[in-house]
């Protein structure tokens, strides 16, 4: 029994029978999306663990950026006439 399927059974989550080739393909796709990896040394092989770690870091970074932009929009909205077209645009961006 593979480690993946035994972990799946222990956690109570049913196995989805994803193949190693499918996992490798998904890791490769993630690798292409993450700037830290994509812009790095393309000749060196990056482990799946590193790809997943950098993916998590990148998602956290994007979340911080969204939070910062939301805060900036909220501040801008607070200093704008609530009835203006600009305020309506800002409100729609915050939704």
PDB file of N, CA and C in Angstrom:
ATOM      1  N   UNK A   1       0.853  -1.183   0.000  1.00  0.00           N
ATOM      2  CA  UNK A   1       0.000   0.000   0.000  1.00  0.00           C
ATOM      3  C   UNK A   1       0.889   1.233   0.000  1.00  0.00           C
ATOM      4  N   UNK A   2       0.593   2.196  -0.845  1.00  0.00           N
ATOM      5  CA  UNK A   2       1.411   3.402  -0.913  1.00  0.00           C
ATOM      6  C   UNK A   2       1.157   4.280   0.297  1.00  0.00           C
ATOM      7  N   UNK A   3       2.119   5.155   0.600  1.00  0.00           N
ATOM      8  CA  UNK A   3       1.984   6.072   1.718  1.00  0.00           C
ATOM      9  C   UNK A   3       0.802   7.003   1.539  1.00  0.00           C
ATOM     10  N   UNK A   4       0.562   7.389   0.285  1.00  0.00           N
ATOM     11  CA  UNK A   4      -0.530   8.320   0.013  1.00  0.00           C
ATOM     12  C   UNK A   4      -1.879   7.691   0.325  1.00  0.00           C
ATOM     13  N   UNK A   5      -2.099   6.457  -0.115  1.00  0.00           N
ATOM     14  CA  UNK A   5      -3.398   5.840   0.127  1.00  0.00           C
ATOM     15  C   UNK A   5      -3.572   5.465   1.582  1.00  0.00           C
ATOM     16  N   UNK A   6      -2.506   5.092   2.276  1.00  0.00           N
ATOM     17  CA  UNK A   6      -2.642   4.767   3.697  1.00  0.00           C
ATOM     18  C   UNK A   6      -2.939   6.034   4.499  1.00  0.00           C
ATOM     19  N   UNK A   7      -2.333   7.155   4.127  1.00  0.00           N
ATOM     20  CA  UNK A   7      -2.643   8.421   4.796  1.00  0.00           C
ATOM     21  C   UNK A   7      -4.098   8.791   4.547  1.00  0.00           C
ATOM     22  N   UNK A   8      -4.564   8.556   3.329  1.00  0.00           N
ATOM     23  CA  UNK A   8      -5.932   8.887   2.974  1.00  0.00           C
ATOM     24  C   UNK A   8      -6.913   8.080   3.811  1.00  0.00           C
ATOM     25  N   UNK A   9      -6.639   6.815   3.976  1.00  0.00           N
ATOM     26  CA  UNK A   9      -7.540   5.973   4.757  1.00  0.00           C
ATOM     27  C   UNK A   9      -7.518   6.356   6.230  1.00  0.00           C
ATOM     28  N   UNK A  10      -6.346   6.705   6.754  1.00  0.00           N
ATOM     29  CA  UNK A  10      -6.239   7.092   8.160  1.00  0.00           C
ATOM     30  C   UNK A  10      -6.994   8.384   8.429  1.00  0.00           C
ATOM     31  N   UNK A  11      -6.982   9.298   7.481  1.00  0.00           N
ATOM     32  CA  UNK A  11      -7.625  10.593   7.702  1.00  0.00           C
ATOM     33  C   UNK A  11      -9.129  10.536   7.480  1.00  0.00           C
ATOM     34  N   UNK A  12      -9.629   9.407   6.988  1.00  0.00           N
ATOM     35  CA  UNK A  12     -11.056   9.295   6.740  1.00  0.00           C
ATOM     36  C   UNK A  12     -11.478   9.867   5.405  1.00  0.00           C
ATOM     37  N   UNK A  13     -10.521  10.342   4.615  1.00  0.00           N
ATOM     38  CA  UNK A  13     -10.812  10.897   3.296  1.00  0.00           C
ATOM     39  C   UNK A  13     -10.635   9.787   2.275  1.00  0.00           C
ATOM     40  N   UNK A  14     -11.635   9.539   1.458  1.00  0.00           N
ATOM     41  CA  UNK A  14     -11.503   8.463   0.480  1.00  0.00           C
ATOM     42  C   UNK A  14     -10.429   8.782  -0.555  1.00  0.00           C
ATOM     43  N   UNK A  15      -9.749   7.754  -1.001  1.00  0.00           N
ATOM     44  CA  UNK A  15      -8.718   7.915  -2.015  1.00  0.00           C
ATOM     45  C   UNK A  15      -9.370   8.281  -3.341  1.00  0.00           C
ATOM     46  N   UNK A  16      -8.749   9.196  -4.068  1.00  0.00           N
ATOM     47  CA  UNK A  16      -9.292   9.602  -5.362  1.00  0.00           C
ATOM     48  C   UNK A  16      -8.567   8.892  -6.487  1.00  0.00           C
ATOM     49  N   UNK A  17      -7.649   8.004  -6.142  1.00  0.00           N
ATOM     50  CA  UNK A  17      -6.918   7.216  -7.141  1.00  0.00           C
ATOM     51  C   UNK A  17      -6.239   8.079  -8.184  1.00  0.00           C
ATOM     52  N   UNK A  18      -5.593   9.124  -7.759  1.00  0.00           N
ATOM     53  CA  UNK A  18      -4.856   9.977  -8.679  1.00  0.00           C
ATOM     54  C   UNK A  18      -3.488   9.338  -8.924  1.00  0.00           C
ATOM     55  N   UNK A  19      -3.097   9.286 -10.164  1.00  0.00           N
ATOM     56  CA  UNK A  19      -1.848   8.614 -10.512  1.00  0.00           C
ATOM     57  C   UNK A  19      -0.645   9.512 -10.255  1.00  0.00           C
ATOM     58  N   UNK A  20       0.515   8.884 -10.162  1.00  0.00           N
ATOM     59  CA  UNK A  20       1.747   9.646  -9.980  1.00  0.00           C
ATOM     60  C   UNK A  20       1.980  10.579 -11.169  1.00  0.00           C
ATOM     61  N   UNK A  21       1.591  10.136 -12.365  1.00  0.00           N
ATOM     62  CA  UNK A  21       1.741  10.993 -13.547  1.00  0.00           C
ATOM     63  C   UNK A  21       0.845  12.235 -13.454  1.00  0.00           C
ATOM     64  N   UNK A  22      -0.360  12.059 -12.922  1.00  0.00           N
ATOM     65  CA  UNK A  22      -1.261  13.198 -12.759  1.00  0.00           C
ATOM     66  C   UNK A  22      -0.710  14.173 -11.727  1.00  0.00           C
ATOM     67  N   UNK A  23      -0.159  13.645 -10.654  1.00  0.00           N
ATOM     68  CA  UNK A  23       0.452  14.505  -9.637  1.00  0.00           C
ATOM     69  C   UNK A  23       1.628  15.264 -10.238  1.00  0.00           C
ATOM     70  N   UNK A  24       2.469  14.572 -10.981  1.00  0.00           N
ATOM     71  CA  UNK A  24       3.621  15.219 -11.617  1.00  0.00           C
ATOM     72  C   UNK A  24       3.159  16.322 -12.570  1.00  0.00           C
ATOM     73  N   UNK A  25       2.073  16.065 -13.297  1.00  0.00           N
ATOM     74  CA  UNK A  25       1.532  17.065 -14.222  1.00  0.00           C
ATOM     75  C   UNK A  25       1.014  18.291 -13.466  1.00  0.00           C
ATOM     76  N   UNK A  26       0.317  18.066 -12.356  1.00  0.00           N
ATOM     77  CA  UNK A  26      -0.194  19.179 -11.550  1.00  0.00           C
ATOM     78  C   UNK A  26       0.943  19.983 -10.931  1.00  0.00           C
ATOM     79  N   UNK A  27       1.971  19.305 -10.458  1.00  0.00           N
ATOM     80  CA  UNK A  27       3.139  19.993  -9.899  1.00  0.00           C
ATOM     81  C   UNK A  27       3.809  20.829 -10.978  1.00  0.00           C
ATOM     82  N   UNK A  28       3.913  20.280 -12.173  1.00  0.00           N
ATOM     83  CA  UNK A  28       4.512  21.012 -13.293  1.00  0.00           C
ATOM     84  C   UNK A  28       3.698  22.266 -13.624  1.00  0.00           C
ATOM     85  N   UNK A  29       2.378  22.144 -13.601  1.00  0.00           N
ATOM     86  CA  UNK A  29       1.518  23.298 -13.873  1.00  0.00           C
ATOM     87  C   UNK A  29       1.671  24.364 -12.795  1.00  0.00           C
ATOM     88  N   UNK A  30       1.737  23.931 -11.534  1.00  0.00           N
ATOM     89  CA  UNK A  30       1.959  24.888 -10.442  1.00  0.00           C
ATOM     90  C   UNK A  30       3.292  25.595 -10.627  1.00  0.00           C
ATOM     91  N   UNK A  31       4.294  24.821 -10.999  1.00  0.00           N
ATOM     92  CA  UNK A  31       5.642  25.364 -11.185  1.00  0.00           C
ATOM     93  C   UNK A  31       5.638  26.501 -12.202  1.00  0.00           C
ATOM     94  N   UNK A  32       4.825  26.380 -13.229  1.00  0.00           N
ATOM     95  CA  UNK A  32       4.747  27.409 -14.260  1.00  0.00           C
ATOM     96  C   UNK A  32       4.024  28.663 -13.770  1.00  0.00           C
ATOM     97  N   UNK A  33       3.208  28.534 -12.727  1.00  0.00           N
ATOM     98  CA  UNK A  33       2.424  29.660 -12.220  1.00  0.00           C
ATOM     99  C   UNK A  33       3.128  30.477 -11.149  1.00  0.00           C
ATOM    100  N   UNK A  34       4.114  29.892 -10.489  1.00  0.00           N
ATOM    101  CA  UNK A  34       4.742  30.541  -9.340  1.00  0.00           C
ATOM    102  C   UNK A  34       5.981  31.307  -9.792  1.00  0.00           C
ATOM    103  N   UNK A  35       5.963  32.643  -9.665  1.00  0.00           N
ATOM    104  CA  UNK A  35       7.073  33.457 -10.159  1.00  0.00           C
ATOM    105  C   UNK A  35       8.431  33.076  -9.565  1.00  0.00           C
ATOM    106  N   UNK A  36       8.484  32.771  -8.279  1.00  0.00           N
ATOM    107  CA  UNK A  36       9.755  32.422  -7.642  1.00  0.00           C
ATOM    108  C   UNK A  36      10.414  31.229  -8.315  1.00  0.00           C
ATOM    109  N   UNK A  37       9.620  30.304  -8.786  1.00  0.00           N
ATOM    110  CA  UNK A  37      10.154  29.105  -9.437  1.00  0.00           C
ATOM    111  C   UNK A  37      10.324  29.353 -10.928  1.00  0.00           C
ATOM    112  N   UNK A  38       9.307  29.944 -11.528  1.00  0.00           N
ATOM    113  CA  UNK A  38       9.322  30.183 -12.979  1.00  0.00           C
ATOM    114  C   UNK A  38      10.496  31.065 -13.382  1.00  0.00           C
ATOM    115  N   UNK A  39      10.819  32.080 -12.570  1.00  0.00           N
ATOM    116  CA  UNK A  39      11.894  33.010 -12.894  1.00  0.00           C
ATOM    117  C   UNK A  39      13.245  32.554 -12.361  1.00  0.00           C
ATOM    118  N   UNK A  40      13.261  31.408 -11.698  1.00  0.00           N
ATOM    119  CA  UNK A  40      14.512  30.878 -11.151  1.00  0.00           C
ATOM    120  C   UNK A  40      15.314  30.165 -12.226  1.00  0.00           C
ATOM    121  N   UNK A  41      16.257  29.404 -11.771  1.00  0.00           N
ATOM    122  CA  UNK A  41      17.111  28.654 -12.706  1.00  0.00           C
ATOM    123  C   UNK A  41      16.282  27.539 -13.344  1.00  0.00           C
ATOM    124  N   UNK A  42      15.961  27.673 -14.594  1.00  0.00           N
ATOM    125  CA  UNK A  42      15.107  26.704 -15.269  1.00  0.00           C
ATOM    126  C   UNK A  42      15.826  25.389 -15.530  1.00  0.00           C
ATOM    127  N   UNK A  43      17.151  25.396 -15.501  1.00  0.00           N
ATOM    128  CA  UNK A  43      17.883  24.172 -15.793  1.00  0.00           C
ATOM    129  C   UNK A  43      17.906  23.220 -14.600  1.00  0.00           C
ATOM    130  N   UNK A  44      17.649  23.738 -13.393  1.00  0.00           N
ATOM    131  CA  UNK A  44      17.695  22.863 -12.226  1.00  0.00           C
ATOM    132  C   UNK A  44      16.307  22.313 -11.916  1.00  0.00           C
ATOM    133  N   UNK A  45      16.265  21.079 -11.506  1.00  0.00           N
ATOM    134  CA  UNK A  45      15.006  20.408 -11.160  1.00  0.00           C
ATOM    135  C   UNK A  45      14.575  20.864  -9.770  1.00  0.00           C
ATOM    136  N   UNK A  46      13.302  21.189  -9.624  1.00  0.00           N
ATOM    137  CA  UNK A  46      12.758  21.638  -8.351  1.00  0.00           C
ATOM    138  C   UNK A  46      11.875  20.518  -7.804  1.00  0.00           C
ATOM    139  N   UNK A  47      12.036  20.197  -6.529  1.00  0.00           N
ATOM    140  CA  UNK A  47      11.255  19.112  -5.926  1.00  0.00           C
ATOM    141  C   UNK A  47       9.789  19.512  -5.797  1.00  0.00           C
ATOM    142  N   UNK A  48       8.935  18.504  -5.746  1.00  0.00           N
ATOM    143  CA  UNK A  48       7.509  18.743  -5.562  1.00  0.00           C
ATOM    144  C   UNK A  48       7.263  19.453  -4.239  1.00  0.00           C
ATOM    145  N   UNK A  49       8.012  19.081  -3.232  1.00  0.00           N
ATOM    146  CA  UNK A  49       7.886  19.718  -1.923  1.00  0.00           C
ATOM    147  C   UNK A  49       8.177  21.213  -2.019  1.00  0.00           C
ATOM    148  N   UNK A  50       9.220  21.574  -2.739  1.00  0.00           N
ATOM    149  CA  UNK A  50       9.587  22.981  -2.922  1.00  0.00           C
ATOM    150  C   UNK A  50       8.497  23.723  -3.699  1.00  0.00           C
ATOM    151  N   UNK A  51       7.949  23.076  -4.725  1.00  0.00           N
ATOM    152  CA  UNK A  51       6.880  23.702  -5.510  1.00  0.00           C
ATOM    153  C   UNK A  51       5.674  23.973  -4.622  1.00  0.00           C
ATOM    154  N   UNK A  52       5.292  23.006  -3.793  1.00  0.00           N
ATOM    155  CA  UNK A  52       4.145  23.198  -2.907  1.00  0.00           C
ATOM    156  C   UNK A  52       4.421  24.267  -1.864  1.00  0.00           C
ATOM    157  N   UNK A  53       5.629  24.278  -1.335  1.00  0.00           N
ATOM    158  CA  UNK A  53       6.001  25.287  -0.344  1.00  0.00           C
ATOM    159  C   UNK A  53       5.956  26.686  -0.961  1.00  0.00           C
ATOM    160  N   UNK A  54       6.520  26.844  -2.139  1.00  0.00           N
ATOM    161  CA  UNK A  54       6.510  28.149  -2.814  1.00  0.00           C
ATOM    162  C   UNK A  54       5.099  28.548  -3.226  1.00  0.00           C
ATOM    163  N   UNK A  55       4.258  27.576  -3.568  1.00  0.00           N
ATOM    164  CA  UNK A  55       2.866  27.863  -3.901  1.00  0.00           C
ATOM    165  C   UNK A  55       2.146  28.440  -2.690  1.00  0.00           C
ATOM    166  N   UNK A  56       2.347  27.825  -1.538  1.00  0.00           N
ATOM    167  CA  UNK A  56       1.734  28.339  -0.297  1.00  0.00           C
ATOM    168  C   UNK A  56       2.239  29.748   0.012  1.00  0.00           C
ATOM    169  N   UNK A  57       3.544  29.959  -0.133  1.00  0.00           N
ATOM    170  CA  UNK A  57       4.109  31.292   0.110  1.00  0.00           C
ATOM    171  C   UNK A  57       3.521  32.322  -0.842  1.00  0.00           C
ATOM    172  N   UNK A  58       3.365  31.937  -2.096  1.00  0.00           N
ATOM    173  CA  UNK A  58       2.832  32.845  -3.105  1.00  0.00           C
ATOM    174  C   UNK A  58       1.368  33.195  -2.810  1.00  0.00           C
ATOM    175  N   UNK A  59       0.583  32.208  -2.405  1.00  0.00           N
ATOM    176  CA  UNK A  59      -0.818  32.458  -2.065  1.00  0.00           C
ATOM    177  C   UNK A  59      -0.910  33.394  -0.865  1.00  0.00           C
ATOM    178  N   UNK A  60      -0.063  33.175   0.144  1.00  0.00           N
ATOM    179  CA  UNK A  60      -0.042  34.085   1.307  1.00  0.00           C
ATOM    180  C   UNK A  60       0.318  35.501   0.875  1.00  0.00           C
ATOM    181  N   UNK A  61       1.286  35.615  -0.019  1.00  0.00           N
ATOM    182  CA  UNK A  61       1.704  36.921  -0.516  1.00  0.00           C
ATOM    183  C   UNK A  61       0.556  37.610  -1.263  1.00  0.00           C
ATOM    184  N   UNK A  62      -0.144  36.857  -2.082  1.00  0.00           N
ATOM    185  CA  UNK A  62      -1.294  37.424  -2.803  1.00  0.00           C
ATOM    186  C   UNK A  62      -2.390  37.853  -1.840  1.00  0.00           C
ATOM    187  N   UNK A  63      -2.620  37.070  -0.786  1.00  0.00           N
ATOM    188  CA  UNK A  63      -3.636  37.432   0.203  1.00  0.00           C
ATOM    189  C   UNK A  63      -3.259  38.725   0.909  1.00  0.00           C
ATOM    190  N   UNK A  64      -1.982  38.873   1.274  1.00  0.00           N
ATOM    191  CA  UNK A  64      -1.525  40.126   1.903  1.00  0.00           C
ATOM    192  C   UNK A  64      -1.732  41.298   0.955  1.00  0.00           C
ATOM    193  N   UNK A  65      -1.447  41.090  -0.324  1.00  0.00           N
ATOM    194  CA  UNK A  65      -1.608  42.154  -1.316  1.00  0.00           C
ATOM    195  C   UNK A  65      -3.080  42.544  -1.460  1.00  0.00           C
ATOM    196  N   UNK A  66      -3.960  41.563  -1.490  1.00  0.00           N
ATOM    197  CA  UNK A  66      -5.393  41.839  -1.563  1.00  0.00           C
ATOM    198  C   UNK A  66      -5.843  42.619  -0.334  1.00  0.00           C
ATOM    199  N   UNK A  67      -5.387  42.190   0.847  1.00  0.00           N
ATOM    200  CA  UNK A  67      -5.751  42.889   2.079  1.00  0.00           C
ATOM    201  C   UNK A  67      -5.263  44.337   2.057  1.00  0.00           C
ATOM    202  N   UNK A  68      -4.032  44.542   1.615  1.00  0.00           N
ATOM    203  CA  UNK A  68      -3.477  45.900   1.543  1.00  0.00           C
ATOM    204  C   UNK A  68      -4.268  46.771   0.564  1.00  0.00           C
ATOM    205  N   UNK A  69      -4.587  46.218  -0.590  1.00  0.00           N
ATOM    206  CA  UNK A  69      -5.353  46.982  -1.575  1.00  0.00           C
ATOM    207  C   UNK A  69      -6.762  47.289  -1.062  1.00  0.00           C
ATOM    208  N   UNK A  70      -7.353  46.335  -0.382  1.00  0.00           N
ATOM    209  CA  UNK A  70      -8.676  46.556   0.198  1.00  0.00           C
ATOM    210  C   UNK A  70      -8.632  47.674   1.237  1.00  0.00           C
ATOM    211  N   UNK A  71      -7.599  47.669   2.069  1.00  0.00           N
ATOM    212  CA  UNK A  71      -7.437  48.739   3.062  1.00  0.00           C
ATOM    213  C   UNK A  71      -7.277  50.092   2.383  1.00  0.00           C
ATOM    214  N   UNK A  72      -6.473  50.131   1.324  1.00  0.00           N
ATOM    215  CA  UNK A  72      -6.259  51.395   0.614  1.00  0.00           C
ATOM    216  C   UNK A  72      -7.553  51.893  -0.025  1.00  0.00           C
ATOM    217  N   UNK A  73      -8.328  50.962  -0.602  1.00  0.00           N
ATOM    218  CA  UNK A  73      -9.609  51.353  -1.193  1.00  0.00           C
ATOM    219  C   UNK A  73     -10.576  51.861  -0.125  1.00  0.00           C
ATOM    220  N   UNK A  74     -10.570  51.214   1.037  1.00  0.00           N
ATOM    221  CA  UNK A  74     -11.441  51.658   2.134  1.00  0.00           C
ATOM    222  C   UNK A  74     -11.076  53.060   2.590  1.00  0.00           C
ATOM    223  N   UNK A  75      -9.779  53.334   2.678  1.00  0.00           N
ATOM    224  CA  UNK A  75      -9.325  54.674   3.060  1.00  0.00           C
ATOM    225  C   UNK A  75      -9.727  55.703   2.008  1.00  0.00           C
ATOM    226  N   UNK A  76      -9.586  55.334   0.755  1.00  0.00           N
ATOM    227  CA  UNK A  76      -9.974  56.234  -0.327  1.00  0.00           C
ATOM    228  C   UNK A  76     -11.478  56.491  -0.294  1.00  0.00           C
ATOM    229  N   UNK A  77     -12.241  55.453  -0.044  1.00  0.00           N
ATOM    230  CA  UNK A  77     -13.692  55.608   0.033  1.00  0.00           C
ATOM    231  C   UNK A  77     -14.093  56.531   1.182  1.00  0.00           C
ATOM    232  N   UNK A  78     -13.395  56.422   2.291  1.00  0.00           N
ATOM    233  CA  UNK A  78     -13.699  57.264   3.455  1.00  0.00           C
ATOM    234  C   UNK A  78     -13.447  58.745   3.165  1.00  0.00           C
ATOM    235  N   UNK A  79     -12.542  59.023   2.228  1.00  0.00           N
ATOM    236  CA  UNK A  79     -12.213  60.423   1.924  1.00  0.00           C
ATOM    237  C   UNK A  79     -12.925  60.927   0.667  1.00  0.00           C
ATOM    238  N   UNK A  80     -13.866  60.142   0.167  1.00  0.00           N
ATOM    239  CA  UNK A  80     -14.577  60.494  -1.063  1.00  0.00           C
ATOM    240  C   UNK A  80     -16.040  60.789  -0.749  1.00  0.00           C
ATOM    241  N   UNK A  81     -16.611  61.696  -1.524  1.00  0.00           N
ATOM    242  CA  UNK A  81     -18.033  61.994  -1.389  1.00  0.00           C
ATOM    243  C   UNK A  81     -18.824  60.702  -1.614  1.00  0.00           C
ATOM    244  N   UNK A  82     -19.628  60.276  -0.633  1.00  0.00           N
ATOM    245  CA  UNK A  82     -20.337  58.996  -0.737  1.00  0.00           C
ATOM    246  C   UNK A  82     -21.303  58.905  -1.911  1.00  0.00           C
ATOM    247  N   UNK A  83     -21.743  60.024  -2.430  1.00  0.00           N
ATOM    248  CA  UNK A  83     -22.702  60.028  -3.535  1.00  0.00           C
ATOM    249  C   UNK A  83     -22.031  60.113  -4.905  1.00  0.00           C
ATOM    250  N   UNK A  84     -20.710  60.208  -4.944  1.00  0.00           N
ATOM    251  CA  UNK A  84     -20.018  60.391  -6.218  1.00  0.00           C
ATOM    252  C   UNK A  84     -19.901  59.070  -6.991  1.00  0.00           C
ATOM    253  N   UNK A  85     -19.653  59.227  -8.288  1.00  0.00           N
ATOM    254  CA  UNK A  85     -19.439  58.056  -9.143  1.00  0.00           C
ATOM    255  C   UNK A  85     -18.189  57.297  -8.705  1.00  0.00           C
ATOM    256  N   UNK A  86     -17.182  58.049  -8.265  1.00  0.00           N
ATOM    257  CA  UNK A  86     -15.940  57.428  -7.804  1.00  0.00           C
ATOM    258  C   UNK A  86     -16.212  56.532  -6.589  1.00  0.00           C
ATOM    259  N   UNK A  87     -17.030  56.986  -5.670  1.00  0.00           N
ATOM    260  CA  UNK A  87     -17.380  56.193  -4.491  1.00  0.00           C
ATOM    261  C   UNK A  87     -18.111  54.913  -4.892  1.00  0.00           C
ATOM    262  N   UNK A  88     -18.981  55.016  -5.883  1.00  0.00           N
ATOM    263  CA  UNK A  88     -19.709  53.825  -6.355  1.00  0.00           C
ATOM    264  C   UNK A  88     -18.753  52.795  -6.949  1.00  0.00           C
ATOM    265  N   UNK A  89     -17.772  53.269  -7.689  1.00  0.00           N
ATOM    266  CA  UNK A  89     -16.769  52.382  -8.273  1.00  0.00           C
ATOM    267  C   UNK A  89     -15.960  51.694  -7.182  1.00  0.00           C
ATOM    268  N   UNK A  90     -15.551  52.465  -6.195  1.00  0.00           N
ATOM    269  CA  UNK A  90     -14.751  51.926  -5.079  1.00  0.00           C
ATOM    270  C   UNK A  90     -15.569  50.889  -4.322  1.00  0.00           C
ATOM    271  N   UNK A  91     -16.839  51.193  -4.055  1.00  0.00           N
ATOM    272  CA  UNK A  91     -17.702  50.244  -3.356  1.00  0.00           C
ATOM    273  C   UNK A  91     -17.830  48.942  -4.144  1.00  0.00           C
ATOM    274  N   UNK A  92     -17.952  49.046  -5.456  1.00  0.00           N
ATOM    275  CA  UNK A  92     -18.086  47.833  -6.271  1.00  0.00           C
ATOM    276  C   UNK A  92     -16.794  47.001  -6.231  1.00  0.00           C
ATOM    277  N   UNK A  93     -15.639  47.663  -6.123  1.00  0.00           N
ATOM    278  CA  UNK A  93     -14.379  46.942  -6.032  1.00  0.00           C
ATOM    279  C   UNK A  93     -14.221  46.241  -4.686  1.00  0.00           C
ATOM    280  N   UNK A  94     -14.819  46.803  -3.659  1.00  0.00           N
ATOM    281  CA  UNK A  94     -14.714  46.225  -2.320  1.00  0.00           C
ATOM    282  C   UNK A  94     -15.672  45.061  -2.107  1.00  0.00           C
ATOM    283  N   UNK A  95     -16.647  44.901  -2.978  1.00  0.00           N
ATOM    284  CA  UNK A  95     -17.630  43.819  -2.818  1.00  0.00           C
ATOM    285  C   UNK A  95     -17.081  42.517  -3.311  1.00  0.00           C
TER     286      UNK A  95
END
